Amino acid sequence: MMENENLKVTGIYSKFWRITLVVVSMLLIFVGPTYFPYALTKLKVDYFASIGIGFVLFVIGMGFMAFLIRKKIITV
């Protein structure tokens, strides 16, 4: 019989949450500065405001990715 290897099923270190957090950070990094400003310009928002919001989303995504790496949720 196989031994239980201290698998964490709940919490931030579970496989589900690790994958979800990585996908969210990647969406912020890649979709934030590309598709989000495009959608805002289609909604008649000022061009520079939409670019600024896209840049802010990019910075938030990079900060979130750095947080995940620092907490050893992602190993590089």
PDB file of N, CA and C in Angstrom:
ATOM      1  N   MET A   1       0.831  -1.172   0.000  1.00  0.00           N
ATOM      2  CA  MET A   1       0.000   0.000   0.000  1.00  0.00           C
ATOM      3  C   MET A   1       0.885   1.248   0.000  1.00  0.00           C
ATOM      4  N   MET A   2       0.488   2.269  -0.746  1.00  0.00           N
ATOM      5  CA  MET A   2       1.271   3.499  -0.852  1.00  0.00           C
ATOM      6  C   MET A   2       1.085   4.351   0.390  1.00  0.00           C
ATOM      7  N   GLU A   3       2.146   5.002   0.812  1.00  0.00           N
ATOM      8  CA  GLU A   3       2.065   5.872   1.974  1.00  0.00           C
ATOM      9  C   GLU A   3       1.581   7.257   1.574  1.00  0.00           C
ATOM     10  N   ASN A   4       0.909   7.910   2.503  1.00  0.00           N
ATOM     11  CA  ASN A   4       0.436   9.276   2.286  1.00  0.00           C
ATOM     12  C   ASN A   4       1.639  10.209   2.374  1.00  0.00           C
ATOM     13  N   GLU A   5       1.863  11.042   1.376  1.00  0.00           N
ATOM     14  CA  GLU A   5       3.048  11.895   1.295  1.00  0.00           C
ATOM     15  C   GLU A   5       2.764  13.335   1.709  1.00  0.00           C
ATOM     16  N   ASN A   6       1.980  13.542   2.730  1.00  0.00           N
ATOM     17  CA  ASN A   6       1.660  14.885   3.219  1.00  0.00           C
ATOM     18  C   ASN A   6       1.142  15.793   2.110  1.00  0.00           C
ATOM     19  N   LEU A   7       0.190  15.321   1.363  1.00  0.00           N
ATOM     20  CA  LEU A   7      -0.392  16.126   0.292  1.00  0.00           C
ATOM     21  C   LEU A   7      -1.305  17.184   0.884  1.00  0.00           C
ATOM     22  N   LYS A   8      -1.114  18.413   0.457  1.00  0.00           N
ATOM     23  CA  LYS A   8      -1.961  19.505   0.919  1.00  0.00           C
ATOM     24  C   LYS A   8      -3.092  19.685  -0.076  1.00  0.00           C
ATOM     25  N   VAL A   9      -4.288  19.438   0.376  1.00  0.00           N
ATOM     26  CA  VAL A   9      -5.443  19.509  -0.506  1.00  0.00           C
ATOM     27  C   VAL A   9      -6.075  20.894  -0.455  1.00  0.00           C
ATOM     28  N   THR A  10      -5.980  21.555   0.677  1.00  0.00           N
ATOM     29  CA  THR A  10      -6.589  22.869   0.808  1.00  0.00           C
ATOM     30  C   THR A  10      -5.501  23.914   0.989  1.00  0.00           C
ATOM     31  N   GLY A  11      -5.883  25.151   0.865  1.00  0.00           N
ATOM     32  CA  GLY A  11      -4.940  26.241   1.069  1.00  0.00           C
ATOM     33  C   GLY A  11      -4.313  26.694  -0.228  1.00  0.00           C
ATOM     34  N   ILE A  12      -3.450  27.691  -0.094  1.00  0.00           N
ATOM     35  CA  ILE A  12      -2.844  28.324  -1.257  1.00  0.00           C
ATOM     36  C   ILE A  12      -1.828  27.406  -1.947  1.00  0.00           C
ATOM     37  N   TYR A  13      -1.346  26.400  -1.255  1.00  0.00           N
ATOM     38  CA  TYR A  13      -0.339  25.514  -1.830  1.00  0.00           C
ATOM     39  C   TYR A  13      -0.925  24.277  -2.499  1.00  0.00           C
ATOM     40  N   SER A  14      -2.243  24.187  -2.604  1.00  0.00           N
ATOM     41  CA  SER A  14      -2.836  23.064  -3.314  1.00  0.00           C
ATOM     42  C   SER A  14      -2.624  23.244  -4.813  1.00  0.00           C
ATOM     43  N   LYS A  15      -2.692  22.159  -5.524  1.00  0.00           N
ATOM     44  CA  LYS A  15      -2.430  22.207  -6.967  1.00  0.00           C
ATOM     45  C   LYS A  15      -3.441  23.092  -7.690  1.00  0.00           C
ATOM     46  N   PHE A  16      -4.706  23.021  -7.290  1.00  0.00           N
ATOM     47  CA  PHE A  16      -5.741  23.840  -7.920  1.00  0.00           C
ATOM     48  C   PHE A  16      -5.442  25.323  -7.760  1.00  0.00           C
ATOM     49  N   TRP A  17      -5.129  25.765  -6.532  1.00  0.00           N
ATOM     50  CA  TRP A  17      -4.874  27.182  -6.292  1.00  0.00           C
ATOM     51  C   TRP A  17      -3.583  27.638  -6.941  1.00  0.00           C
ATOM     52  N   ARG A  18      -2.588  26.790  -6.988  1.00  0.00           N
ATOM     53  CA  ARG A  18      -1.334  27.165  -7.647  1.00  0.00           C
ATOM     54  C   ARG A  18      -1.574  27.449  -9.120  1.00  0.00           C
ATOM     55  N   ILE A  19      -2.306  26.559  -9.764  1.00  0.00           N
ATOM     56  CA  ILE A  19      -2.589  26.738 -11.194  1.00  0.00           C
ATOM     57  C   ILE A  19      -3.464  27.971 -11.412  1.00  0.00           C
ATOM     58  N   THR A  20      -4.477  28.152 -10.582  1.00  0.00           N
ATOM     59  CA  THR A  20      -5.377  29.290 -10.722  1.00  0.00           C
ATOM     60  C   THR A  20      -4.635  30.610 -10.547  1.00  0.00           C
ATOM     61  N   LEU A  21      -3.772  30.697  -9.544  1.00  0.00           N
ATOM     62  CA  LEU A  21      -3.034  31.933  -9.299  1.00  0.00           C
ATOM     63  C   LEU A  21      -2.053  32.247 -10.429  1.00  0.00           C
ATOM     64  N   VAL A  22      -1.428  31.225 -10.988  1.00  0.00           N
ATOM     65  CA  VAL A  22      -0.517  31.450 -12.114  1.00  0.00           C
ATOM     66  C   VAL A  22      -1.294  31.931 -13.338  1.00  0.00           C
ATOM     67  N   VAL A  23      -2.444  31.337 -13.602  1.00  0.00           N
ATOM     68  CA  VAL A  23      -3.254  31.750 -14.757  1.00  0.00           C
ATOM     69  C   VAL A  23      -3.741  33.191 -14.582  1.00  0.00           C
ATOM     70  N   VAL A  24      -4.163  33.554 -13.383  1.00  0.00           N
ATOM     71  CA  VAL A  24      -4.620  34.929 -13.132  1.00  0.00           C
ATOM     72  C   VAL A  24      -3.475  35.917 -13.338  1.00  0.00           C
ATOM     73  N   SER A  25      -2.298  35.591 -12.838  1.00  0.00           N
ATOM     74  CA  SER A  25      -1.171  36.514 -13.021  1.00  0.00           C
ATOM     75  C   SER A  25      -0.769  36.614 -14.491  1.00  0.00           C
ATOM     76  N   MET A  26      -0.819  35.523 -15.211  1.00  0.00           N
ATOM     77  CA  MET A  26      -0.494  35.574 -16.646  1.00  0.00           C
ATOM     78  C   MET A  26      -1.540  36.378 -17.415  1.00  0.00           C
ATOM     79  N   LEU A  27      -2.797  36.249 -17.044  1.00  0.00           N
ATOM     80  CA  LEU A  27      -3.829  37.061 -17.700  1.00  0.00           C
ATOM     81  C   LEU A  27      -3.600  38.549 -17.441  1.00  0.00           C
ATOM     82  N   LEU A  28      -3.235  38.894 -16.219  1.00  0.00           N
ATOM     83  CA  LEU A  28      -2.953  40.300 -15.923  1.00  0.00           C
ATOM     84  C   LEU A  28      -1.744  40.793 -16.710  1.00  0.00           C
ATOM     85  N   ILE A  29      -0.734  39.954 -16.855  1.00  0.00           N
ATOM     86  CA  ILE A  29       0.489  40.373 -17.545  1.00  0.00           C
ATOM     87  C   ILE A  29       0.256  40.507 -19.050  1.00  0.00           C
ATOM     88  N   PHE A  30      -0.443  39.558 -19.656  1.00  0.00           N
ATOM     89  CA  PHE A  30      -0.559  39.564 -21.115  1.00  0.00           C
ATOM     90  C   PHE A  30      -1.840  40.218 -21.633  1.00  0.00           C
ATOM     91  N   VAL A  31      -2.960  40.004 -20.972  1.00  0.00           N
ATOM     92  CA  VAL A  31      -4.220  40.578 -21.439  1.00  0.00           C
ATOM     93  C   VAL A  31      -4.356  42.026 -20.991  1.00  0.00           C
ATOM     94  N   GLY A  32      -3.798  42.342 -19.823  1.00  0.00           N
ATOM     95  CA  GLY A  32      -3.892  43.698 -19.291  1.00  0.00           C
ATOM     96  C   GLY A  32      -3.436  44.764 -20.261  1.00  0.00           C
ATOM     97  N   PRO A  33      -2.208  44.691 -20.791  1.00  0.00           N
ATOM     98  CA  PRO A  33      -1.757  45.764 -21.680  1.00  0.00           C
ATOM     99  C   PRO A  33      -2.160  45.590 -23.151  1.00  0.00           C
ATOM    100  N   THR A  34      -2.819  44.502 -23.519  1.00  0.00           N
ATOM    101  CA  THR A  34      -3.163  44.318 -24.930  1.00  0.00           C
ATOM    102  C   THR A  34      -4.661  44.453 -25.184  1.00  0.00           C
ATOM    103  N   TYR A  35      -5.445  43.522 -24.697  1.00  0.00           N
ATOM    104  CA  TYR A  35      -6.864  43.503 -25.028  1.00  0.00           C
ATOM    105  C   TYR A  35      -7.685  44.472 -24.196  1.00  0.00           C
ATOM    106  N   PHE A  36      -7.274  44.727 -22.977  1.00  0.00           N
ATOM    107  CA  PHE A  36      -8.053  45.619 -22.116  1.00  0.00           C
ATOM    108  C   PHE A  36      -8.072  47.048 -22.664  1.00  0.00           C
ATOM    109  N   PRO A  37      -6.946  47.636 -23.069  1.00  0.00           N
ATOM    110  CA  PRO A  37      -7.025  48.979 -23.678  1.00  0.00           C
ATOM    111  C   PRO A  37      -7.834  48.989 -24.981  1.00  0.00           C
ATOM    112  N   TYR A  38      -7.750  47.914 -25.744  1.00  0.00           N
ATOM    113  CA  TYR A  38      -8.529  47.825 -26.976  1.00  0.00           C
ATOM    114  C   TYR A  38     -10.024  47.858 -26.665  1.00  0.00           C
ATOM    115  N   ALA A  39     -10.436  47.096 -25.654  1.00  0.00           N
ATOM    116  CA  ALA A  39     -11.849  47.073 -25.278  1.00  0.00           C
ATOM    117  C   ALA A  39     -12.288  48.429 -24.738  1.00  0.00           C
ATOM    118  N   LEU A  40     -11.417  49.098 -23.998  1.00  0.00           N
ATOM    119  CA  LEU A  40     -11.773  50.411 -23.462  1.00  0.00           C
ATOM    120  C   LEU A  40     -11.895  51.458 -24.560  1.00  0.00           C
ATOM    121  N   THR A  41     -11.045  51.382 -25.584  1.00  0.00           N
ATOM    122  CA  THR A  41     -11.177  52.347 -26.675  1.00  0.00           C
ATOM    123  C   THR A  41     -12.449  52.107 -27.481  1.00  0.00           C
ATOM    124  N   LYS A  42     -12.887  50.857 -27.550  1.00  0.00           N
ATOM    125  CA  LYS A  42     -14.162  50.569 -28.216  1.00  0.00           C
ATOM    126  C   LYS A  42     -15.343  51.104 -27.413  1.00  0.00           C
ATOM    127  N   LEU A  43     -15.144  51.261 -26.092  1.00  0.00           N
ATOM    128  CA  LEU A  43     -16.186  51.818 -25.235  1.00  0.00           C
ATOM    129  C   LEU A  43     -16.082  53.338 -25.127  1.00  0.00           C
ATOM    130  N   LYS A  44     -15.281  53.941 -26.005  1.00  0.00           N
ATOM    131  CA  LYS A  44     -15.119  55.399 -26.095  1.00  0.00           C
ATOM    132  C   LYS A  44     -14.424  56.008 -24.880  1.00  0.00           C
ATOM    133  N   VAL A  45     -13.521  55.254 -24.259  1.00  0.00           N
ATOM    134  CA  VAL A  45     -12.694  55.793 -23.178  1.00  0.00           C
ATOM    135  C   VAL A  45     -11.472  56.433 -23.824  1.00  0.00           C
ATOM    136  N   ASP A  46     -10.942  57.485 -23.221  1.00  0.00           N
ATOM    137  CA  ASP A  46      -9.785  58.182 -23.755  1.00  0.00           C
ATOM    138  C   ASP A  46      -8.629  57.205 -23.989  1.00  0.00           C
ATOM    139  N   TYR A  47      -7.921  57.394 -25.085  1.00  0.00           N
ATOM    140  CA  TYR A  47      -6.850  56.477 -25.477  1.00  0.00           C
ATOM    141  C   TYR A  47      -5.752  56.405 -24.416  1.00  0.00           C
ATOM    142  N   PHE A  48      -5.296  57.550 -23.935  1.00  0.00           N
ATOM    143  CA  PHE A  48      -4.206  57.551 -22.964  1.00  0.00           C
ATOM    144  C   PHE A  48      -4.643  56.975 -21.617  1.00  0.00           C
ATOM    145  N   ALA A  49      -5.897  57.159 -21.261  1.00  0.00           N
ATOM    146  CA  ALA A  49      -6.410  56.563 -20.021  1.00  0.00           C
ATOM    147  C   ALA A  49      -6.448  55.045 -20.140  1.00  0.00           C
ATOM    148  N   SER A  50      -6.847  54.542 -21.304  1.00  0.00           N
ATOM    149  CA  SER A  50      -6.899  53.095 -21.484  1.00  0.00           C
ATOM    150  C   SER A  50      -5.494  52.487 -21.506  1.00  0.00           C
ATOM    151  N   ILE A  51      -4.529  53.191 -22.098  1.00  0.00           N
ATOM    152  CA  ILE A  51      -3.148  52.712 -22.078  1.00  0.00           C
ATOM    153  C   ILE A  51      -2.607  52.726 -20.651  1.00  0.00           C
ATOM    154  N   GLY A  52      -2.941  53.761 -19.890  1.00  0.00           N
ATOM    155  CA  GLY A  52      -2.513  53.843 -18.496  1.00  0.00           C
ATOM    156  C   GLY A  52      -3.090  52.719 -17.658  1.00  0.00           C
ATOM    157  N   ILE A  53      -4.370  52.408 -17.864  1.00  0.00           N
ATOM    158  CA  ILE A  53      -4.998  51.313 -17.126  1.00  0.00           C
ATOM    159  C   ILE A  53      -4.360  49.976 -17.515  1.00  0.00           C
ATOM    160  N   GLY A  54      -4.043  49.797 -18.788  1.00  0.00           N
ATOM    161  CA  GLY A  54      -3.359  48.584 -19.226  1.00  0.00           C
ATOM    162  C   GLY A  54      -1.986  48.445 -18.595  1.00  0.00           C
ATOM    163  N   PHE A  55      -1.270  49.564 -18.479  1.00  0.00           N
ATOM    164  CA  PHE A  55       0.044  49.533 -17.842  1.00  0.00           C
ATOM    165  C   PHE A  55      -0.067  49.196 -16.356  1.00  0.00           C
ATOM    166  N   VAL A  56      -1.076  49.750 -15.701  1.00  0.00           N
ATOM    167  CA  VAL A  56      -1.290  49.448 -14.278  1.00  0.00           C
ATOM    168  C   VAL A  56      -1.605  47.969 -14.089  1.00  0.00           C
ATOM    169  N   LEU A  57      -2.426  47.389 -14.956  1.00  0.00           N
ATOM    170  CA  LEU A  57      -2.717  45.960 -14.874  1.00  0.00           C
ATOM    171  C   LEU A  57      -1.461  45.121 -15.094  1.00  0.00           C
ATOM    172  N   PHE A  58      -0.590  45.557 -15.998  1.00  0.00           N
ATOM    173  CA  PHE A  58       0.673  44.860 -16.236  1.00  0.00           C
ATOM    174  C   PHE A  58       1.551  44.887 -14.985  1.00  0.00           C
ATOM    175  N   VAL A  59       1.648  46.044 -14.357  1.00  0.00           N
ATOM    176  CA  VAL A  59       2.468  46.171 -13.141  1.00  0.00           C
ATOM    177  C   VAL A  59       1.890  45.318 -12.013  1.00  0.00           C
ATOM    178  N   ILE A  60       0.572  45.291 -11.878  1.00  0.00           N
ATOM    179  CA  ILE A  60      -0.062  44.452 -10.857  1.00  0.00           C
ATOM    180  C   ILE A  60       0.231  42.982 -11.133  1.00  0.00           C
ATOM    181  N   GLY A  61       0.154  42.568 -12.391  1.00  0.00           N
ATOM    182  CA  GLY A  61       0.455  41.179 -12.752  1.00  0.00           C
ATOM    183  C   GLY A  61       1.895  40.806 -12.465  1.00  0.00           C
ATOM    184  N   MET A  62       2.828  41.717 -12.761  1.00  0.00           N
ATOM    185  CA  MET A  62       4.238  41.433 -12.473  1.00  0.00           C
ATOM    186  C   MET A  62       4.484  41.373 -10.962  1.00  0.00           C
ATOM    187  N   GLY A  63       3.844  42.256 -10.213  1.00  0.00           N
ATOM    188  CA  GLY A  63       3.972  42.213  -8.757  1.00  0.00           C
ATOM    189  C   GLY A  63       3.387  40.934  -8.179  1.00  0.00           C
ATOM    190  N   PHE A  64       2.261  40.514  -8.723  1.00  0.00           N
ATOM    191  CA  PHE A  64       1.632  39.274  -8.270  1.00  0.00           C
ATOM    192  C   PHE A  64       2.519  38.070  -8.591  1.00  0.00           C
ATOM    193  N   MET A  65       3.146  38.082  -9.767  1.00  0.00           N
ATOM    194  CA  MET A  65       4.050  36.987 -10.136  1.00  0.00           C
ATOM    195  C   MET A  65       5.267  36.970  -9.214  1.00  0.00           C
ATOM    196  N   ALA A  66       5.805  38.133  -8.885  1.00  0.00           N
ATOM    197  CA  ALA A  66       6.935  38.201  -7.952  1.00  0.00           C
ATOM    198  C   ALA A  66       6.526  37.683  -6.579  1.00  0.00           C
ATOM    199  N   PHE A  67       5.307  38.000  -6.154  1.00  0.00           N
ATOM    200  CA  PHE A  67       4.799  37.483  -4.881  1.00  0.00           C
ATOM    201  C   PHE A  67       4.725  35.961  -4.900  1.00  0.00           C
ATOM    202  N   LEU A  68       4.223  35.398  -5.991  1.00  0.00           N
ATOM    203  CA  LEU A  68       4.113  33.943  -6.096  1.00  0.00           C
ATOM    204  C   LEU A  68       5.482  33.273  -6.085  1.00  0.00           C
ATOM    205  N   ILE A  69       6.454  33.889  -6.710  1.00  0.00           N
ATOM    206  CA  ILE A  69       7.810  33.332  -6.718  1.00  0.00           C
ATOM    207  C   ILE A  69       8.434  33.438  -5.340  1.00  0.00           C
ATOM    208  N   ARG A  70       8.230  34.565  -4.654  1.00  0.00           N
ATOM    209  CA  ARG A  70       8.806  34.759  -3.319  1.00  0.00           C
ATOM    210  C   ARG A  70       8.225  33.781  -2.296  1.00  0.00           C
ATOM    211  N   LYS A  71       6.941  33.468  -2.418  1.00  0.00           N
ATOM    212  CA  LYS A  71       6.284  32.569  -1.478  1.00  0.00           C
ATOM    213  C   LYS A  71       6.495  31.093  -1.850  1.00  0.00           C
ATOM    214  N   LYS A  72       7.312  30.843  -2.867  1.00  0.00           N
ATOM    215  CA  LYS A  72       7.619  29.485  -3.328  1.00  0.00           C
ATOM    216  C   LYS A  72       6.396  28.732  -3.831  1.00  0.00           C
ATOM    217  N   ILE A  73       5.399  29.475  -4.303  1.00  0.00           N
ATOM    218  CA  ILE A  73       4.249  28.850  -4.933  1.00  0.00           C
ATOM    219  C   ILE A  73       4.629  28.438  -6.346  1.00  0.00           C
ATOM    220  N   ILE A  74       5.481  29.240  -6.968  1.00  0.00           N
ATOM    221  CA  ILE A  74       6.056  28.936  -8.276  1.00  0.00           C
ATOM    222  C   ILE A  74       7.544  28.762  -8.078  1.00  0.00           C
ATOM    223  N   THR A  75       8.085  27.701  -8.617  1.00  0.00           N
ATOM    224  CA  THR A  75       9.536  27.542  -8.565  1.00  0.00           C
ATOM    225  C   THR A  75      10.101  27.833  -9.942  1.00  0.00           C
ATOM    226  N   VAL A  76      11.132  28.603  -9.971  1.00  0.00           N
ATOM    227  CA  VAL A  76      11.725  29.033 -11.240  1.00  0.00           C
ATOM    228  C   VAL A  76      12.784  28.065 -11.676  1.00  0.00           C
TER     229      VAL A  76
END
